[in-house]
PDB file of N, CA and C in Angstrom:
ATOM      1  N   UNK A   1     178.892  27.312 -90.363  1.00  0.00           N
ATOM      2  CA  UNK A   1     179.669  28.552 -90.794  1.00  0.00           C
ATOM      3  C   UNK A   1     178.616  29.714 -91.440  1.00  0.00           C
ATOM      4  N   UNK A   2     178.943  30.832 -90.877  1.00  0.00           N
ATOM      5  CA  UNK A   2     178.104  31.975 -91.587  1.00  0.00           C
ATOM      6  C   UNK A   2     179.099  33.113 -91.891  1.00  0.00           C
ATOM      7  N   UNK A   3     178.798  33.382 -92.853  1.00  0.00           N
ATOM      8  CA  UNK A   3     179.779  34.831 -93.576  1.00  0.00           C
ATOM      9  C   UNK A   3     178.966  36.226 -93.505  1.00  0.00           C
ATOM     10  N   UNK A   4     179.471  37.265 -93.610  1.00  0.00           N
ATOM     11  CA  UNK A   4     179.120  38.683 -93.442  1.00  0.00           C
ATOM     12  C   UNK A   4     178.801  38.994 -95.249  1.00  0.00           C
ATOM     13  N   UNK A   5     178.157  39.951 -96.341  1.00  0.00           N
ATOM     14  CA  UNK A   5     178.239  40.282 -96.932  1.00  0.00           C
ATOM     15  C   UNK A   5     177.975  41.688 -97.170  1.00  0.00           C
ATOM     16  N   UNK A   6     177.797  42.367 -97.783  1.00  0.00           N
ATOM     17  CA  UNK A   6     177.249  43.677 -97.765  1.00  0.00           C
ATOM     18  C   UNK A   6     176.226  43.572 -98.385  1.00  0.00           C
ATOM     19  N   UNK A   7     175.230  44.706 -97.881  1.00  0.00           N
ATOM     20  CA  UNK A   7     173.471  44.784 -98.446  1.00  0.00           C
ATOM     21  C   UNK A   7     173.784  45.734 -99.926  1.00  0.00           C
ATOM     22  N   UNK A   8     173.304  45.601-101.433  1.00  0.00           N
ATOM     23  CA  UNK A   8     173.286  46.857-101.934  1.00  0.00           C
ATOM     24  C   UNK A   8     172.213  47.429-101.841  1.00  0.00           C
ATOM     25  N   UNK A   9     171.354  47.592-100.444  1.00  0.00           N
ATOM     26  CA  UNK A   9     170.722  48.631-100.071  1.00  0.00           C
ATOM     27  C   UNK A   9     170.717  49.188 -99.118  1.00  0.00           C
ATOM     28  N   UNK A  10     171.576  48.862 -98.095  1.00  0.00           N
ATOM     29  CA  UNK A  10     171.823  48.980 -97.001  1.00  0.00           C
ATOM     30  C   UNK A  10     172.935  49.113 -96.533  1.00  0.00           C
ATOM     31  N   UNK A  11     173.525  50.254 -95.042  1.00  0.00           N
ATOM     32  CA  UNK A  11     174.762  50.308 -95.122  1.00  0.00           C
ATOM     33  C   UNK A  11     175.596  49.136 -94.152  1.00  0.00           C
ATOM     34  N   UNK A  12     174.169  48.148 -93.370  1.00  0.00           N
ATOM     35  CA  UNK A  12     174.134  46.619 -92.617  1.00  0.00           C
ATOM     36  C   UNK A  12     174.805  45.622 -93.521  1.00  0.00           C
ATOM     37  N   UNK A  13     175.004  44.357 -92.984  1.00  0.00           N
ATOM     38  CA  UNK A  13     175.391  43.582 -93.280  1.00  0.00           C
ATOM     39  C   UNK A  13     174.434  42.256 -93.439  1.00  0.00           C
ATOM     40  N   UNK A  14     174.628  41.635 -94.371  1.00  0.00           N
ATOM     41  CA  UNK A  14     173.799  40.315 -93.921  1.00  0.00           C
ATOM     42  C   UNK A  14     174.600  39.228 -93.972  1.00  0.00           C
ATOM     43  N   UNK A  15     173.535  38.455 -93.169  1.00  0.00           N
ATOM     44  CA  UNK A  15     174.667  36.730 -92.776  1.00  0.00           C
ATOM     45  C   UNK A  15     174.082  35.462 -93.325  1.00  0.00           C
ATOM     46  N   UNK A  16     174.916  35.172 -94.193  1.00  0.00           N
ATOM     47  CA  UNK A  16     175.115  33.880 -94.352  1.00  0.00           C
ATOM     48  C   UNK A  16     175.128  32.526 -94.484  1.00  0.00           C
ATOM     49  N   UNK A  17     174.243  31.415 -94.026  1.00  0.00           N
ATOM     50  CA  UNK A  17     175.168  30.282 -93.191  1.00  0.00           C
ATOM     51  C   UNK A  17     175.824  29.774 -94.472  1.00  0.00           C
ATOM     52  N   UNK A  18     176.363  28.960 -94.242  1.00  0.00           N
ATOM     53  CA  UNK A  18     177.278  27.980 -95.539  1.00  0.00           C
ATOM     54  C   UNK A  18     176.476  27.484 -96.537  1.00  0.00           C
ATOM     55  N   UNK A  19     175.009  26.995 -96.390  1.00  0.00           N
ATOM     56  CA  UNK A  19     174.142  27.151 -97.383  1.00  0.00           C
ATOM     57  C   UNK A  19     173.569  27.496 -97.983  1.00  0.00           C
ATOM     58  N   UNK A  20     174.379  29.086 -97.817  1.00  0.00           N
ATOM     59  CA  UNK A  20     173.808  30.012 -98.843  1.00  0.00           C
ATOM     60  C   UNK A  20     172.252  30.853 -98.396  1.00  0.00           C
ATOM     61  N   UNK A  21     172.106  30.769 -97.433  1.00  0.00           N
ATOM     62  CA  UNK A  21     171.053  30.733 -96.975  1.00  0.00           C
ATOM     63  C   UNK A  21     170.821  32.094 -95.631  1.00  0.00           C
ATOM     64  N   UNK A  22     170.104  33.139 -96.097  1.00  0.00           N
ATOM     65  CA  UNK A  22     170.032  33.965 -95.302  1.00  0.00           C
ATOM     66  C   UNK A  22     169.442  34.218 -93.239  1.00  0.00           C
ATOM     67  N   UNK A  23     170.016  34.316 -93.001  1.00  0.00           N
ATOM     68  CA  UNK A  23     169.719  34.683 -91.565  1.00  0.00           C
ATOM     69  C   UNK A  23     168.694  35.343 -90.998  1.00  0.00           C
ATOM     70  N   UNK A  24     167.881  35.376 -90.021  1.00  0.00           N
ATOM     71  CA  UNK A  24     166.464  35.849 -90.198  1.00  0.00           C
ATOM     72  C   UNK A  24     167.259  37.287 -89.205  1.00  0.00           C
ATOM     73  N   UNK A  25     168.135  37.327 -88.578  1.00  0.00           N
ATOM     74  CA  UNK A  25     169.043  38.087 -88.145  1.00  0.00           C
ATOM     75  C   UNK A  25     169.641  38.302 -88.530  1.00  0.00           C
ATOM     76  N   UNK A  26     169.344  39.286 -89.933  1.00  0.00           N
ATOM     77  CA  UNK A  26     170.524  39.633 -90.477  1.00  0.00           C
ATOM     78  C   UNK A  26     171.506  40.479 -90.304  1.00  0.00           C
ATOM     79  N   UNK A  27     171.545  41.451 -88.842  1.00  0.00           N
ATOM     80  CA  UNK A  27     172.189  42.331 -88.752  1.00  0.00           C
ATOM     81  C   UNK A  27     172.972  42.116 -87.547  1.00  0.00           C
ATOM     82  N   UNK A  28     174.765  42.316 -87.941  1.00  0.00           N
ATOM     83  CA  UNK A  28     175.261  41.577 -86.889  1.00  0.00           C
ATOM     84  C   UNK A  28     175.892  42.982 -86.035  1.00  0.00           C
ATOM     85  N   UNK A  29     175.605  43.474 -85.013  1.00  0.00           N
ATOM     86  CA  UNK A  29     176.561  44.524 -84.820  1.00  0.00           C
ATOM     87  C   UNK A  29     177.826  44.310 -84.030  1.00  0.00           C
ATOM     88  N   UNK A  30     178.188  45.269 -84.563  1.00  0.00           N
ATOM     89  CA  UNK A  30     180.063  45.043 -84.223  1.00  0.00           C
ATOM     90  C   UNK A  30     180.126  44.497 -82.305  1.00  0.00           C
ATOM     91  N   UNK A  31     181.468  43.980 -82.434  1.00  0.00           N
ATOM     92  CA  UNK A  31     182.025  43.367 -81.091  1.00  0.00           C
ATOM     93  C   UNK A  31     182.231  44.901 -80.767  1.00  0.00           C
ATOM     94  N   UNK A  32     181.324  44.888 -79.242  1.00  0.00           N
ATOM     95  CA  UNK A  32     182.558  46.041 -78.379  1.00  0.00           C
ATOM     96  C   UNK A  32     183.141  45.560 -77.295  1.00  0.00           C
ATOM     97  N   UNK A  33     184.457  46.602 -77.107  1.00  0.00           N
ATOM     98  CA  UNK A  33     185.300  45.565 -75.658  1.00  0.00           C
ATOM     99  C   UNK A  33     185.339  47.135 -74.572  1.00  0.00           C
ATOM    100  N   UNK A  34     185.215  46.685 -73.620  1.00  0.00           N
ATOM    101  CA  UNK A  34     185.152  47.734 -72.830  1.00  0.00           C
ATOM    102  C   UNK A  34     186.237  47.880 -71.983  1.00  0.00           C
ATOM    103  N   UNK A  35     187.125  48.885 -71.941  1.00  0.00           N
ATOM    104  CA  UNK A  35     188.639  48.859 -71.275  1.00  0.00           C
ATOM    105  C   UNK A  35     187.700  48.612 -69.696  1.00  0.00           C
ATOM    106  N   UNK A  36     188.641  47.921 -68.425  1.00  0.00           N
ATOM    107  CA  UNK A  36     188.123  48.542 -67.265  1.00  0.00           C
ATOM    108  C   UNK A  36     186.564  47.934 -67.207  1.00  0.00           C
ATOM    109  N   UNK A  37     186.345  46.830 -67.574  1.00  0.00           N
ATOM    110  CA  UNK A  37     184.948  46.192 -67.457  1.00  0.00           C
ATOM    111  C   UNK A  37     185.239  45.461 -66.126  1.00  0.00           C
ATOM    112  N   UNK A  38     184.471  45.428 -65.212  1.00  0.00           N
ATOM    113  CA  UNK A  38     184.383  44.719 -63.977  1.00  0.00           C
ATOM    114  C   UNK A  38     183.065  43.617 -63.904  1.00  0.00           C
ATOM    115  N   UNK A  39     182.987  42.106 -63.872  1.00  0.00           N
ATOM    116  CA  UNK A  39     182.033  41.170 -64.178  1.00  0.00           C
ATOM    117  C   UNK A  39     180.653  41.464 -62.901  1.00  0.00           C
ATOM    118  N   UNK A  40     179.984  41.222 -63.753  1.00  0.00           N
ATOM    119  CA  UNK A  40     178.195  41.933 -63.596  1.00  0.00           C
ATOM    120  C   UNK A  40     178.297  41.467 -62.360  1.00  0.00           C
ATOM    121  N   UNK A  41     178.037  40.127 -62.339  1.00  0.00           N
ATOM    122  CA  UNK A  41     177.729  38.658 -61.599  1.00  0.00           C
ATOM    123  C   UNK A  41     178.776  38.576 -60.494  1.00  0.00           C
ATOM    124  N   UNK A  42     179.835  39.028 -60.418  1.00  0.00           N
ATOM    125  CA  UNK A  42     181.154  39.047 -59.020  1.00  0.00           C
ATOM    126  C   UNK A  42     180.541  40.548 -58.375  1.00  0.00           C
ATOM    127  N   UNK A  43     180.033  41.217 -58.729  1.00  0.00           N
ATOM    128  CA  UNK A  43     179.616  42.826 -58.368  1.00  0.00           C
ATOM    129  C   UNK A  43     177.997  42.860 -57.445  1.00  0.00           C
ATOM    130  N   UNK A  44     177.407  41.765 -58.588  1.00  0.00           N
ATOM    131  CA  UNK A  44     175.899  41.418 -57.808  1.00  0.00           C
ATOM    132  C   UNK A  44     176.081  40.920 -56.819  1.00  0.00           C
ATOM    133  N   UNK A  45     176.733  39.962 -56.479  1.00  0.00           N
ATOM    134  CA  UNK A  45     176.798  38.909 -55.452  1.00  0.00           C
ATOM    135  C   UNK A  45     177.233  39.778 -54.311  1.00  0.00           C
ATOM    136  N   UNK A  46     178.618  40.734 -54.826  1.00  0.00           N
ATOM    137  CA  UNK A  46     179.770  41.485 -53.181  1.00  0.00           C
ATOM    138  C   UNK A  46     178.002  42.376 -52.927  1.00  0.00           C
ATOM    139  N   UNK A  47     176.941  42.846 -53.343  1.00  0.00           N
ATOM    140  CA  UNK A  47     176.050  43.687 -53.410  1.00  0.00           C
ATOM    141  C   UNK A  47     174.604  42.884 -52.962  1.00  0.00           C
ATOM    142  N   UNK A  48     174.649  41.767 -53.323  1.00  0.00           N
ATOM    143  CA  UNK A  48     173.458  41.098 -52.450  1.00  0.00           C
ATOM    144  C   UNK A  48     174.097  40.406 -50.817  1.00  0.00           C
ATOM    145  N   UNK A  49     175.189  39.730 -50.832  1.00  0.00           N
ATOM    146  CA  UNK A  49     176.213  39.613 -49.779  1.00  0.00           C
ATOM    147  C   UNK A  49     175.798  40.875 -48.287  1.00  0.00           C
ATOM    148  N   UNK A  50     175.716  42.086 -49.077  1.00  0.00           N
ATOM    149  CA  UNK A  50     176.458  43.029 -47.925  1.00  0.00           C
ATOM    150  C   UNK A  50     174.722  43.787 -47.284  1.00  0.00           C
ATOM    151  N   UNK A  51     173.651  43.107 -48.496  1.00  0.00           N
ATOM    152  CA  UNK A  51     172.278  43.621 -48.332  1.00  0.00           C
ATOM    153  C   UNK A  51     172.225  42.988 -47.220  1.00  0.00           C
ATOM    154  N   UNK A  52     171.994  41.330 -46.948  1.00  0.00           N
ATOM    155  CA  UNK A  52     171.828  40.211 -46.041  1.00  0.00           C
ATOM    156  C   UNK A  52     172.317  40.324 -45.329  1.00  0.00           C
ATOM    157  N   UNK A  53     173.820  40.945 -45.092  1.00  0.00           N
ATOM    158  CA  UNK A  53     174.385  41.303 -43.870  1.00  0.00           C
ATOM    159  C   UNK A  53     173.508  42.269 -43.183  1.00  0.00           C
ATOM    160  N   UNK A  54     173.037  43.458 -44.073  1.00  0.00           N
ATOM    161  CA  UNK A  54     172.395  44.622 -43.344  1.00  0.00           C
ATOM    162  C   UNK A  54     170.838  43.678 -43.135  1.00  0.00           C
ATOM    163  N   UNK A  55     170.400  43.440 -43.268  1.00  0.00           N
ATOM    164  CA  UNK A  55     168.953  42.803 -42.646  1.00  0.00           C
ATOM    165  C   UNK A  55     169.391  41.823 -41.834  1.00  0.00           C
ATOM    166  N   UNK A  56     170.392  40.974 -42.003  1.00  0.00           N
ATOM    167  CA  UNK A  56     170.298  40.374 -40.920  1.00  0.00           C
ATOM    168  C   UNK A  56     170.886  41.019 -39.164  1.00  0.00           C
ATOM    169  N   UNK A  57     171.194  41.779 -39.462  1.00  0.00           N
ATOM    170  CA  UNK A  57     171.832  42.963 -38.274  1.00  0.00           C
ATOM    171  C   UNK A  57     170.148  43.629 -38.377  1.00  0.00           C
ATOM    172  N   UNK A  58     169.845  43.992 -38.964  1.00  0.00           N
ATOM    173  CA  UNK A  58     168.444  44.898 -38.760  1.00  0.00           C
ATOM    174  C   UNK A  58     167.325  44.299 -37.750  1.00  0.00           C
ATOM    175  N   UNK A  59     167.454  42.767 -38.334  1.00  0.00           N
ATOM    176  CA  UNK A  59     166.834  41.761 -37.565  1.00  0.00           C
ATOM    177  C   UNK A  59     166.698  41.564 -36.009  1.00  0.00           C
ATOM    178  N   UNK A  60     167.983  40.900 -35.540  1.00  0.00           N
ATOM    179  CA  UNK A  60     169.057  41.317 -34.417  1.00  0.00           C
ATOM    180  C   UNK A  60     168.867  42.035 -33.691  1.00  0.00           C
ATOM    181  N   UNK A  61     168.987  43.269 -34.409  1.00  0.00           N
ATOM    182  CA  UNK A  61     168.893  44.553 -33.185  1.00  0.00           C
ATOM    183  C   UNK A  61     167.553  44.887 -33.474  1.00  0.00           C
ATOM    184  N   UNK A  62     166.239  44.796 -33.991  1.00  0.00           N
ATOM    185  CA  UNK A  62     165.133  44.858 -33.127  1.00  0.00           C
ATOM    186  C   UNK A  62     164.679  43.985 -32.766  1.00  0.00           C
ATOM    187  N   UNK A  63     164.925  42.362 -32.834  1.00  0.00           N
ATOM    188  CA  UNK A  63     164.777  41.996 -31.682  1.00  0.00           C
ATOM    189  C   UNK A  63     165.435  42.390 -30.443  1.00  0.00           C
ATOM    190  N   UNK A  64     166.324  42.699 -30.340  1.00  0.00           N
ATOM    191  CA  UNK A  64     167.219  42.677 -29.052  1.00  0.00           C
ATOM    192  C   UNK A  64     165.947  43.821 -28.443  1.00  0.00           C
ATOM    193  N   UNK A  65     165.685  44.851 -29.210  1.00  0.00           N
ATOM    194  CA  UNK A  65     165.136  46.176 -28.549  1.00  0.00           C
ATOM    195  C   UNK A  65     163.863  45.897 -28.367  1.00  0.00           C
ATOM    196  N   UNK A  66     162.570  45.042 -29.140  1.00  0.00           N
ATOM    197  CA  UNK A  66     161.309  44.830 -29.205  1.00  0.00           C
ATOM    198  C   UNK A  66     161.297  43.661 -28.509  1.00  0.00           C
ATOM    199  N   UNK A  67     161.890  42.161 -28.523  1.00  0.00           N
ATOM    200  CA  UNK A  67     161.468  41.380 -28.149  1.00  0.00           C
ATOM    201  C   UNK A  67     160.866  40.957 -29.606  1.00  0.00           C
ATOM    202  N   UNK A  68     160.260  41.173 -30.790  1.00  0.00           N
ATOM    203  CA  UNK A  68     159.682  40.175 -31.340  1.00  0.00           C
ATOM    204  C   UNK A  68     160.586  40.097 -32.853  1.00  0.00           C
ATOM    205  N   UNK A  69     160.756  39.686 -33.893  1.00  0.00           N
ATOM    206  CA  UNK A  69     161.283  38.853 -34.563  1.00  0.00           C
ATOM    207  C   UNK A  69     160.805  40.146 -36.046  1.00  0.00           C
ATOM    208  N   UNK A  70     159.845  40.468 -36.112  1.00  0.00           N
ATOM    209  CA  UNK A  70     159.378  41.569 -36.935  1.00  0.00           C
ATOM    210  C   UNK A  70     158.569  42.010 -36.035  1.00  0.00           C
ATOM    211  N   UNK A  71     158.332  43.850 -35.500  1.00  0.00           N
ATOM    212  CA  UNK A  71     158.000  44.563 -34.908  1.00  0.00           C
ATOM    213  C   UNK A  71     156.716  44.819 -35.804  1.00  0.00           C
ATOM    214  N   UNK A  72     155.393  43.827 -34.649  1.00  0.00           N
ATOM    215  CA  UNK A  72     154.372  44.374 -35.114  1.00  0.00           C
ATOM    216  C   UNK A  72     153.188  43.283 -35.902  1.00  0.00           C
ATOM    217  N   UNK A  73     154.086  42.554 -36.010  1.00  0.00           N
ATOM    218  CA  UNK A  73     153.387  41.367 -36.769  1.00  0.00           C
ATOM    219  C   UNK A  73     153.717  40.069 -35.942  1.00  0.00           C
ATOM    220  N   UNK A  74     154.725  39.771 -35.629  1.00  0.00           N
ATOM    221  CA  UNK A  74     155.066  38.299 -34.764  1.00  0.00           C
ATOM    222  C   UNK A  74     155.257  38.751 -33.486  1.00  0.00           C
TER     223      UNK A  74
END
């Protein structure tokens, strides 16, 4: 268990364990809650899926028009 105690020299707080030792990372930033936050992983998954669909469609279109999977390479 850790507790925060005010420092005499700075406005930051020191993190002290239940054994009375100070933590190496002495400053604990306050928790910030953002209203209307959407999950990054869900948004990233949608974006990756959309880019994959665009890539697959462009691969098919290039194969139809040129007869090659990657024009100029294969």
